[in-house]
Amino acid sequence: MTLASFAHSEVLAPFFLLVGMQLRSEITHVRQILLPTIAAIGGMLFPALIYAVMNRGTQLAQAWPVVMPTDIALVMVVLLLLGKKVSIELKTFMLAIAVADDLLSIVVLAAKYSSALKPMQVFASIGAVAIGVLIWKVPHQIWLTRFVNFFILPIYIFANLFPTLTKNFVLTSHLGGSIVLARVVGKAIGIVLFTWVAVKFRLARRPSALQTGEVLGGAILAGMGLAVSFFIADLAFTDPALLDQARAGLLIAALISALAGSAVLTLTSRKRPNTSP
């Protein structure tokens, strides 16, 4: 089995199965996920809008779903590395955002790219989510979560990035630049703005221990999105050159989001009188 074998989207079937199980679990706590769901909607709309505007009048504009997903595995790695600088409330908030983000991404994937999906891709993505919702829980589910986060997602991301990094990496391009701006700026604005609106107009309540600076830092971290975005990019771009530009843009956006989000959360932690363990 070669590295290229792991670049196929069917490899993500365990990830989508886990997404379905998480969705079923979170749906039972509607009040707790209302604010993160509203925030996730903003965090998907603004990147798509920025990308579409920057590419208006071209075929590239049709690929707006590429900039929408967030990889919670990447976000959680950064949050874990930050340790005590990050509150439990922020981790919970970001996990809930990711669940809503995953659900909306699946809906967009099914609605926009259903005709482009091969039967096995449908089964490995939409089908796997449906199965996950139905079975809900499995014995030793923590091991499935670790298998997905520490094996499936990393190897899928690496298998897709390897050809781009070694042969066709494009540091600057219009497509890549629009993806970076849409993800880094759009995610931050969308999540922070929609969170503020939801709280301001009493559509949802924000946990008292969750500070505004933490919401901003988490929103910036949400700009990290590789696995599901790679999946969508494979469907959106048939030109290999454009696909490489998109992958490069997604990688650069993830790196910028990780660094900027970490910086904001580090500064925020210094102003917090009591840091959660």
C-alpha atoms as a PDB file:
ATOM      1  CA  MET A   1       0.000   0.000   0.000  1.00  0.00           C
ATOM      2  CA  THR A   2       1.453   3.349  -1.065  1.00  0.00           C
ATOM      3  CA  LEU A   3       1.093   6.775   0.527  1.00  0.00           C
ATOM      4  CA  ALA A   4      -1.163   7.815  -2.362  1.00  0.00           C
ATOM      5  CA  SER A   5      -3.675   5.171  -1.241  1.00  0.00           C
ATOM      6  CA  PHE A   6      -4.332   7.194   1.899  1.00  0.00           C
ATOM      7  CA  ALA A   7      -5.088  10.350  -0.111  1.00  0.00           C
ATOM      8  CA  HIS A   8      -8.467   9.000  -1.246  1.00  0.00           C
ATOM      9  CA  SER A   9     -11.468  10.530   0.514  1.00  0.00           C
ATOM     10  CA  GLU A  10     -12.833   7.085   1.426  1.00  0.00           C
ATOM     11  CA  VAL A  11     -10.092   6.945   4.086  1.00  0.00           C
ATOM     12  CA  LEU A  12     -12.129   9.495   6.075  1.00  0.00           C
ATOM     13  CA  ALA A  13     -15.013   7.039   6.638  1.00  0.00           C
ATOM     14  CA  PRO A  14     -14.096   6.456  10.347  1.00  0.00           C
ATOM     15  CA  PHE A  15     -13.938  10.243  10.828  1.00  0.00           C
ATOM     16  CA  PHE A  16     -17.430  10.759   9.391  1.00  0.00           C
ATOM     17  CA  LEU A  17     -18.713   7.816  11.459  1.00  0.00           C
ATOM     18  CA  LEU A  18     -17.397   9.556  14.577  1.00  0.00           C
ATOM     19  CA  VAL A  19     -18.989  12.836  13.446  1.00  0.00           C
ATOM     20  CA  GLY A  20     -22.377  11.109  13.274  1.00  0.00           C
ATOM     21  CA  MET A  21     -21.952   9.689  16.767  1.00  0.00           C
ATOM     22  CA  GLN A  22     -20.958  13.100  18.136  1.00  0.00           C
ATOM     23  CA  LEU A  23     -23.950  14.739  16.445  1.00  0.00           C
ATOM     24  CA  ARG A  24     -26.359  12.276  18.059  1.00  0.00           C
ATOM     25  CA  SER A  25     -24.783  12.906  21.446  1.00  0.00           C
ATOM     26  CA  GLU A  26     -24.818  16.710  21.181  1.00  0.00           C
ATOM     27  CA  ILE A  27     -28.391  16.891  19.879  1.00  0.00           C
ATOM     28  CA  THR A  28     -29.540  15.739  23.320  1.00  0.00           C
ATOM     29  CA  HIS A  29     -28.124  18.975  24.795  1.00  0.00           C
ATOM     30  CA  VAL A  30     -29.820  21.586  22.631  1.00  0.00           C
ATOM     31  CA  ARG A  31     -29.523  24.492  25.060  1.00  0.00           C
ATOM     32  CA  GLN A  32     -25.813  23.931  25.600  1.00  0.00           C
ATOM     33  CA  ILE A  33     -24.999  23.875  21.889  1.00  0.00           C
ATOM     34  CA  LEU A  34     -27.260  26.741  20.792  1.00  0.00           C
ATOM     35  CA  LEU A  35     -24.610  29.460  21.127  1.00  0.00           C
ATOM     36  CA  PRO A  36     -21.820  27.386  19.524  1.00  0.00           C
ATOM     37  CA  THR A  37     -24.181  26.468  16.666  1.00  0.00           C
ATOM     38  CA  ILE A  38     -24.970  30.114  15.968  1.00  0.00           C
ATOM     39  CA  ALA A  39     -21.244  30.908  16.184  1.00  0.00           C
ATOM     40  CA  ALA A  40     -20.450  28.060  13.783  1.00  0.00           C
ATOM     41  CA  ILE A  41     -22.931  29.421  11.229  1.00  0.00           C
ATOM     42  CA  GLY A  42     -21.179  32.792  11.301  1.00  0.00           C
ATOM     43  CA  GLY A  43     -17.824  31.049  11.082  1.00  0.00           C
ATOM     44  CA  MET A  44     -18.913  29.348   7.864  1.00  0.00           C
ATOM     45  CA  LEU A  45     -20.852  32.173   6.197  1.00  0.00           C
ATOM     46  CA  PHE A  46     -18.166  34.855   6.431  1.00  0.00           C
ATOM     47  CA  PRO A  47     -15.296  32.792   4.960  1.00  0.00           C
ATOM     48  CA  ALA A  48     -17.566  31.687   2.104  1.00  0.00           C
ATOM     49  CA  LEU A  49     -18.658  35.295   1.492  1.00  0.00           C
ATOM     50  CA  ILE A  50     -15.104  36.671   1.497  1.00  0.00           C
ATOM     51  CA  TYR A  51     -13.892  33.908  -0.823  1.00  0.00           C
ATOM     52  CA  ALA A  52     -16.826  34.370  -3.217  1.00  0.00           C
ATOM     53  CA  VAL A  53     -16.308  38.143  -3.386  1.00  0.00           C
ATOM     54  CA  MET A  54     -12.566  37.814  -4.005  1.00  0.00           C
ATOM     55  CA  ASN A  55     -13.203  35.362  -6.844  1.00  0.00           C
ATOM     56  CA  ARG A  56     -16.399  36.850  -8.254  1.00  0.00           C
ATOM     57  CA  GLY A  57     -16.802  36.565 -12.008  1.00  0.00           C
ATOM     58  CA  THR A  58     -14.572  33.485 -12.241  1.00  0.00           C
ATOM     59  CA  GLN A  59     -15.104  29.724 -12.012  1.00  0.00           C
ATOM     60  CA  LEU A  60     -13.106  29.757  -8.783  1.00  0.00           C
ATOM     61  CA  ALA A  61     -16.045  31.396  -7.004  1.00  0.00           C
ATOM     62  CA  GLN A  62     -17.986  28.129  -7.177  1.00  0.00           C
ATOM     63  CA  ALA A  63     -15.518  26.506  -4.764  1.00  0.00           C
ATOM     64  CA  TRP A  64     -16.630  28.576  -1.749  1.00  0.00           C
ATOM     65  CA  PRO A  65     -17.398  25.473   0.407  1.00  0.00           C
ATOM     66  CA  VAL A  66     -13.649  24.756   0.564  1.00  0.00           C
ATOM     67  CA  VAL A  67     -13.098  27.538   3.111  1.00  0.00           C
ATOM     68  CA  MET A  68     -15.946  26.601   5.453  1.00  0.00           C
ATOM     69  CA  PRO A  69     -14.915  23.514   7.530  1.00  0.00           C
ATOM     70  CA  THR A  70     -12.879  23.588  10.741  1.00  0.00           C
ATOM     71  CA  ASP A  71     -10.725  20.660  11.892  1.00  0.00           C
ATOM     72  CA  ILE A  72     -11.398  20.261  15.594  1.00  0.00           C
ATOM     73  CA  ALA A  73      -8.503  17.806  15.911  1.00  0.00           C
ATOM     74  CA  LEU A  74      -6.065  20.556  14.906  1.00  0.00           C
ATOM     75  CA  VAL A  75      -7.754  23.086  17.176  1.00  0.00           C
ATOM     76  CA  MET A  76      -7.660  20.724  20.144  1.00  0.00           C
ATOM     77  CA  VAL A  77      -3.966  19.960  19.603  1.00  0.00           C
ATOM     78  CA  VAL A  78      -3.178  23.672  19.892  1.00  0.00           C
ATOM     79  CA  LEU A  79      -5.444  24.058  22.937  1.00  0.00           C
ATOM     80  CA  LEU A  80      -3.742  21.103  24.621  1.00  0.00           C
ATOM     81  CA  LEU A  81      -0.316  22.574  23.903  1.00  0.00           C
ATOM     82  CA  LEU A  82      -1.410  25.848  25.499  1.00  0.00           C
ATOM     83  CA  GLY A  83      -2.287  23.920  28.645  1.00  0.00           C
ATOM     84  CA  LYS A  84      -3.397  26.097  31.558  1.00  0.00           C
ATOM     85  CA  LYS A  85      -3.541  29.158  29.336  1.00  0.00           C
ATOM     86  CA  VAL A  86      -6.868  27.811  28.040  1.00  0.00           C
ATOM     87  CA  SER A  87     -10.023  27.474  30.123  1.00  0.00           C
ATOM     88  CA  ILE A  88     -12.247  24.389  30.178  1.00  0.00           C
ATOM     89  CA  GLU A  89     -15.116  26.604  29.004  1.00  0.00           C
ATOM     90  CA  LEU A  90     -13.268  27.489  25.798  1.00  0.00           C
ATOM     91  CA  LYS A  91     -12.461  23.840  25.063  1.00  0.00           C
ATOM     92  CA  THR A  92     -16.127  22.928  25.508  1.00  0.00           C
ATOM     93  CA  PHE A  93     -17.211  25.886  23.360  1.00  0.00           C
ATOM     94  CA  MET A  94     -14.832  24.940  20.541  1.00  0.00           C
ATOM     95  CA  LEU A  95     -15.861  21.268  20.637  1.00  0.00           C
ATOM     96  CA  ALA A  96     -19.509  22.259  20.287  1.00  0.00           C
ATOM     97  CA  ILE A  97     -18.674  24.638  17.437  1.00  0.00           C
ATOM     98  CA  ALA A  98     -16.862  21.812  15.670  1.00  0.00           C
ATOM     99  CA  VAL A  99     -19.858  19.482  15.947  1.00  0.00           C
ATOM    100  CA  ALA A 100     -22.171  22.113  14.430  1.00  0.00           C
ATOM    101  CA  ASP A 101     -19.504  22.937  11.823  1.00  0.00           C
ATOM    102  CA  ASP A 102     -19.238  19.264  10.839  1.00  0.00           C
ATOM    103  CA  LEU A 103     -23.002  18.941  10.474  1.00  0.00           C
ATOM    104  CA  LEU A 104     -23.289  22.034   8.287  1.00  0.00           C
ATOM    105  CA  SER A 105     -20.315  20.918   6.197  1.00  0.00           C
ATOM    106  CA  ILE A 106     -22.010  17.574   5.540  1.00  0.00           C
ATOM    107  CA  VAL A 107     -25.200  19.365   4.502  1.00  0.00           C
ATOM    108  CA  VAL A 108     -23.271  21.598   2.080  1.00  0.00           C
ATOM    109  CA  LEU A 109     -21.309  18.614   0.772  1.00  0.00           C
ATOM    110  CA  ALA A 110     -24.502  16.656   0.098  1.00  0.00           C
ATOM    111  CA  ALA A 111     -26.345  19.610  -1.453  1.00  0.00           C
ATOM    112  CA  LYS A 112     -23.620  21.016  -3.695  1.00  0.00           C
ATOM    113  CA  TYR A 113     -21.474  18.044  -4.633  1.00  0.00           C
ATOM    114  CA  SER A 114     -23.878  15.094  -4.586  1.00  0.00           C
ATOM    115  CA  SER A 115     -23.569  14.661  -8.355  1.00  0.00           C
ATOM    116  CA  ALA A 116     -19.755  14.743  -8.187  1.00  0.00           C
ATOM    117  CA  LEU A 117     -19.505  12.190  -5.397  1.00  0.00           C
ATOM    118  CA  LYS A 118     -18.811   8.605  -6.387  1.00  0.00           C
ATOM    119  CA  PRO A 119     -20.941   5.877  -4.745  1.00  0.00           C
ATOM    120  CA  MET A 120     -18.120   4.870  -2.404  1.00  0.00           C
ATOM    121  CA  GLN A 121     -17.519   8.507  -1.467  1.00  0.00           C
ATOM    122  CA  VAL A 122     -21.221   8.924  -0.654  1.00  0.00           C
ATOM    123  CA  PHE A 123     -21.138   5.842   1.559  1.00  0.00           C
ATOM    124  CA  ALA A 124     -17.858   6.882   3.231  1.00  0.00           C
ATOM    125  CA  SER A 125     -19.072  10.416   4.015  1.00  0.00           C
ATOM    126  CA  ILE A 126     -22.840  10.985   4.159  1.00  0.00           C
ATOM    127  CA  GLY A 127     -23.527   7.285   4.708  1.00  0.00           C
ATOM    128  CA  ALA A 128     -20.968   7.028   7.503  1.00  0.00           C
ATOM    129  CA  VAL A 129     -22.502  10.048   9.266  1.00  0.00           C
ATOM    130  CA  ALA A 130     -25.969   8.449   9.057  1.00  0.00           C
ATOM    131  CA  ILE A 131     -24.638   5.176  10.470  1.00  0.00           C
ATOM    132  CA  GLY A 132     -22.925   7.067  13.277  1.00  0.00           C
ATOM    133  CA  VAL A 133     -26.176   8.819  14.195  1.00  0.00           C
ATOM    134  CA  LEU A 134     -28.012   5.487  14.247  1.00  0.00           C
ATOM    135  CA  ILE A 135     -25.533   3.525  16.367  1.00  0.00           C
ATOM    136  CA  TRP A 136     -24.747   6.566  18.584  1.00  0.00           C
ATOM    137  CA  LYS A 137     -22.315   4.819  20.930  1.00  0.00           C
ATOM    138  CA  VAL A 138     -19.901   1.897  20.673  1.00  0.00           C
ATOM    139  CA  PRO A 139     -17.842   0.089  23.301  1.00  0.00           C
ATOM    140  CA  HIS A 140     -14.465   1.711  23.947  1.00  0.00           C
ATOM    141  CA  GLN A 141     -15.428   4.744  21.843  1.00  0.00           C
ATOM    142  CA  ILE A 142     -12.415   6.633  23.164  1.00  0.00           C
ATOM    143  CA  TRP A 143     -10.197   4.308  21.131  1.00  0.00           C
ATOM    144  CA  LEU A 144     -12.131   5.113  17.955  1.00  0.00           C
ATOM    145  CA  THR A 145     -11.685   8.815  18.700  1.00  0.00           C
ATOM    146  CA  ARG A 146      -7.942   8.372  19.195  1.00  0.00           C
ATOM    147  CA  PHE A 147      -7.651   6.223  16.065  1.00  0.00           C
ATOM    148  CA  VAL A 148      -9.351   8.949  14.018  1.00  0.00           C
ATOM    149  CA  ASN A 149      -7.487  11.901  15.561  1.00  0.00           C
ATOM    150  CA  PHE A 150      -4.018  10.381  15.721  1.00  0.00           C
ATOM    151  CA  PHE A 151      -3.989   8.132  12.658  1.00  0.00           C
ATOM    152  CA  ILE A 152      -6.770   8.687  10.113  1.00  0.00           C
ATOM    153  CA  LEU A 153      -6.715  12.493   9.991  1.00  0.00           C
ATOM    154  CA  PRO A 154      -2.904  12.933  10.122  1.00  0.00           C
ATOM    155  CA  ILE A 155      -2.191  10.332   7.445  1.00  0.00           C
ATOM    156  CA  TYR A 156      -4.956  11.643   5.176  1.00  0.00           C
ATOM    157  CA  ILE A 157      -3.694  15.215   5.514  1.00  0.00           C
ATOM    158  CA  PHE A 158      -0.066  14.167   4.966  1.00  0.00           C
ATOM    159  CA  ALA A 159      -0.923  11.985   1.965  1.00  0.00           C
ATOM    160  CA  ASN A 160      -2.703  14.916   0.317  1.00  0.00           C
ATOM    161  CA  LEU A 161      -0.063  17.486   1.199  1.00  0.00           C
ATOM    162  CA  PHE A 162       3.015  15.433   0.319  1.00  0.00           C
ATOM    163  CA  PRO A 163       2.789  15.811  -3.501  1.00  0.00           C
ATOM    164  CA  THR A 164       2.055  19.521  -3.151  1.00  0.00           C
ATOM    165  CA  LEU A 165       4.902  20.157  -0.705  1.00  0.00           C
ATOM    166  CA  THR A 166       7.498  18.158  -2.647  1.00  0.00           C
ATOM    167  CA  LYS A 167       6.655  19.104  -6.226  1.00  0.00           C
ATOM    168  CA  ASN A 168       4.047  21.783  -6.746  1.00  0.00           C
ATOM    169  CA  PHE A 169       3.994  24.047  -3.703  1.00  0.00           C
ATOM    170  CA  VAL A 170       2.917  27.575  -4.653  1.00  0.00           C
ATOM    171  CA  LEU A 171       3.574  30.084  -1.910  1.00  0.00           C
ATOM    172  CA  THR A 172       1.618  32.915  -3.527  1.00  0.00           C
ATOM    173  CA  SER A 173      -1.359  32.701  -5.865  1.00  0.00           C
ATOM    174  CA  HIS A 174      -4.692  34.474  -6.129  1.00  0.00           C
ATOM    175  CA  LEU A 175      -6.582  31.310  -5.230  1.00  0.00           C
ATOM    176  CA  GLY A 176      -4.325  30.527  -2.286  1.00  0.00           C
ATOM    177  CA  GLY A 177      -4.444  34.123  -1.062  1.00  0.00           C
ATOM    178  CA  SER A 178      -8.231  34.228  -1.181  1.00  0.00           C
ATOM    179  CA  ILE A 179      -8.393  31.005   0.831  1.00  0.00           C
ATOM    180  CA  VAL A 180      -5.990  32.359   3.454  1.00  0.00           C
ATOM    181  CA  LEU A 181      -7.875  35.639   3.844  1.00  0.00           C
ATOM    182  CA  ALA A 182     -11.268  33.938   3.886  1.00  0.00           C
ATOM    183  CA  ARG A 183     -10.261  31.426   6.542  1.00  0.00           C
ATOM    184  CA  VAL A 184      -8.068  33.568   8.809  1.00  0.00           C
ATOM    185  CA  VAL A 185     -10.198  36.724   8.724  1.00  0.00           C
ATOM    186  CA  GLY A 186     -13.605  35.277   7.870  1.00  0.00           C
ATOM    187  CA  LYS A 187     -13.635  32.658  10.624  1.00  0.00           C
ATOM    188  CA  ALA A 188     -12.610  35.184  13.273  1.00  0.00           C
ATOM    189  CA  ILE A 189     -15.162  37.806  12.233  1.00  0.00           C
ATOM    190  CA  GLY A 190     -17.982  35.340  11.714  1.00  0.00           C
ATOM    191  CA  ILE A 191     -17.655  33.471  14.999  1.00  0.00           C
ATOM    192  CA  VAL A 192     -17.069  36.580  17.157  1.00  0.00           C
ATOM    193  CA  LEU A 193     -19.837  38.608  15.473  1.00  0.00           C
ATOM    194  CA  PHE A 194     -22.472  35.881  15.587  1.00  0.00           C
ATOM    195  CA  THR A 195     -21.578  35.075  19.208  1.00  0.00           C
ATOM    196  CA  TRP A 196     -21.981  38.739  20.136  1.00  0.00           C
ATOM    197  CA  VAL A 197     -25.308  39.035  18.285  1.00  0.00           C
ATOM    198  CA  ALA A 198     -26.663  35.858  19.891  1.00  0.00           C
ATOM    199  CA  VAL A 199     -25.773  37.072  23.392  1.00  0.00           C
ATOM    200  CA  LYS A 200     -26.771  40.697  22.762  1.00  0.00           C
ATOM    201  CA  PHE A 201     -30.252  39.797  21.550  1.00  0.00           C
ATOM    202  CA  ARG A 202     -30.632  36.994  24.104  1.00  0.00           C
ATOM    203  CA  LEU A 203     -30.846  34.247  21.542  1.00  0.00           C
ATOM    204  CA  ALA A 204     -28.412  32.235  23.649  1.00  0.00           C
ATOM    205  CA  ARG A 205     -26.359  32.592  26.817  1.00  0.00           C
ATOM    206  CA  ARG A 206     -22.589  32.740  27.017  1.00  0.00           C
ATOM    207  CA  PRO A 207     -20.966  30.911  29.945  1.00  0.00           C
ATOM    208  CA  SER A 208     -19.894  33.528  32.489  1.00  0.00           C
ATOM    209  CA  ALA A 209     -16.378  32.064  32.665  1.00  0.00           C
ATOM    210  CA  LEU A 210     -15.883  32.339  28.891  1.00  0.00           C
ATOM    211  CA  GLN A 211     -14.166  35.658  28.177  1.00  0.00           C
ATOM    212  CA  THR A 212     -14.456  37.701  24.992  1.00  0.00           C
ATOM    213  CA  GLY A 213     -10.715  37.395  24.384  1.00  0.00           C
ATOM    214  CA  GLU A 214     -11.006  33.621  24.569  1.00  0.00           C
ATOM    215  CA  VAL A 215     -13.832  33.633  22.038  1.00  0.00           C
ATOM    216  CA  LEU A 216     -11.623  35.680  19.714  1.00  0.00           C
ATOM    217  CA  GLY A 217      -8.645  33.360  20.195  1.00  0.00           C
ATOM    218  CA  GLY A 218     -10.777  30.284  19.601  1.00  0.00           C
ATOM    219  CA  ALA A 219     -12.371  31.892  16.552  1.00  0.00           C
ATOM    220  CA  ILE A 220      -8.951  32.523  15.036  1.00  0.00           C
ATOM    221  CA  LEU A 221      -7.909  28.926  15.742  1.00  0.00           C
ATOM    222  CA  ALA A 222     -11.023  27.810  13.860  1.00  0.00           C
ATOM    223  CA  GLY A 223      -9.260  28.995  10.710  1.00  0.00           C
ATOM    224  CA  MET A 224      -7.421  25.679  10.790  1.00  0.00           C
ATOM    225  CA  GLY A 225      -9.175  23.357   8.368  1.00  0.00           C
ATOM    226  CA  LEU A 226      -7.410  20.703   6.302  1.00  0.00           C
ATOM    227  CA  ALA A 227      -8.989  17.237   6.150  1.00  0.00           C
ATOM    228  CA  VAL A 228     -12.587  18.037   5.177  1.00  0.00           C
ATOM    229  CA  SER A 229     -11.439  21.036   3.127  1.00  0.00           C
ATOM    230  CA  PHE A 230      -9.093  18.733   1.168  1.00  0.00           C
ATOM    231  CA  PHE A 231     -12.047  16.415   0.591  1.00  0.00           C
ATOM    232  CA  ILE A 232     -14.136  19.285  -0.801  1.00  0.00           C
ATOM    233  CA  ALA A 233     -11.211  20.708  -2.799  1.00  0.00           C
ATOM    234  CA  ASP A 234     -10.817  17.369  -4.594  1.00  0.00           C
ATOM    235  CA  LEU A 235     -14.419  17.727  -5.748  1.00  0.00           C
ATOM    236  CA  ALA A 236     -14.260  21.457  -6.510  1.00  0.00           C
ATOM    237  CA  PHE A 237     -11.022  21.607  -8.545  1.00  0.00           C
ATOM    238  CA  THR A 238     -10.430  19.305 -11.490  1.00  0.00           C
ATOM    239  CA  ASP A 239      -7.273  21.188 -12.541  1.00  0.00           C
ATOM    240  CA  PRO A 240      -4.276  19.709 -10.611  1.00  0.00           C
ATOM    241  CA  ALA A 241      -2.553  23.102 -10.560  1.00  0.00           C
ATOM    242  CA  LEU A 242      -5.560  24.747  -8.890  1.00  0.00           C
ATOM    243  CA  LEU A 243      -5.847  21.864  -6.457  1.00  0.00           C
ATOM    244  CA  ASP A 244      -2.216  22.367  -5.416  1.00  0.00           C
ATOM    245  CA  GLN A 245      -2.813  26.093  -4.961  1.00  0.00           C
ATOM    246  CA  ALA A 246      -5.864  25.375  -2.821  1.00  0.00           C
ATOM    247  CA  ARG A 247      -3.968  22.883  -0.650  1.00  0.00           C
ATOM    248  CA  ALA A 248      -1.117  25.347  -0.199  1.00  0.00           C
ATOM    249  CA  GLY A 249      -3.562  28.088   0.784  1.00  0.00           C
ATOM    250  CA  LEU A 250      -5.277  25.836   3.308  1.00  0.00           C
ATOM    251  CA  LEU A 251      -1.938  24.874   4.866  1.00  0.00           C
ATOM    252  CA  ILE A 252      -0.758  28.485   5.128  1.00  0.00           C
ATOM    253  CA  ALA A 253      -4.110  29.534   6.615  1.00  0.00           C
ATOM    254  CA  ALA A 254      -3.851  26.760   9.209  1.00  0.00           C
ATOM    255  CA  LEU A 255      -0.352  27.827  10.238  1.00  0.00           C
ATOM    256  CA  ILE A 256      -1.294  31.513  10.512  1.00  0.00           C
ATOM    257  CA  SER A 257      -4.458  30.668  12.460  1.00  0.00           C
ATOM    258  CA  ALA A 258      -2.532  28.451  14.872  1.00  0.00           C
ATOM    259  CA  LEU A 259       0.098  31.108  15.596  1.00  0.00           C
ATOM    260  CA  ALA A 260      -2.289  34.072  15.793  1.00  0.00           C
ATOM    261  CA  GLY A 261      -4.875  32.213  17.864  1.00  0.00           C
ATOM    262  CA  SER A 262      -2.209  30.971  20.276  1.00  0.00           C
ATOM    263  CA  ALA A 263      -0.878  34.500  20.702  1.00  0.00           C
ATOM    264  CA  VAL A 264      -4.329  35.897  21.509  1.00  0.00           C
ATOM    265  CA  LEU A 265      -5.081  33.122  24.001  1.00  0.00           C
ATOM    266  CA  THR A 266      -1.690  33.556  25.675  1.00  0.00           C
ATOM    267  CA  LEU A 267      -2.334  37.279  26.134  1.00  0.00           C
ATOM    268  CA  THR A 268      -5.871  36.586  27.340  1.00  0.00           C
ATOM    269  CA  SER A 269      -4.646  34.113  29.947  1.00  0.00           C
ATOM    270  CA  ARG A 270      -2.470  36.786  31.546  1.00  0.00           C
ATOM    271  CA  LYS A 271      -5.537  38.916  32.186  1.00  0.00           C
ATOM    272  CA  ARG A 272      -7.609  36.085  33.632  1.00  0.00           C
ATOM    273  CA  PRO A 273      -7.437  36.101  37.437  1.00  0.00           C
ATOM    274  CA  ASN A 274      -8.180  32.379  37.829  1.00  0.00           C
ATOM    275  CA  THR A 275      -6.901  29.964  35.210  1.00  0.00           C
ATOM    276  CA  SER A 276      -8.678  26.662  34.825  1.00  0.00           C
ATOM    277  CA  PRO A 277      -6.498  23.575  35.244  1.00  0.00           C
END
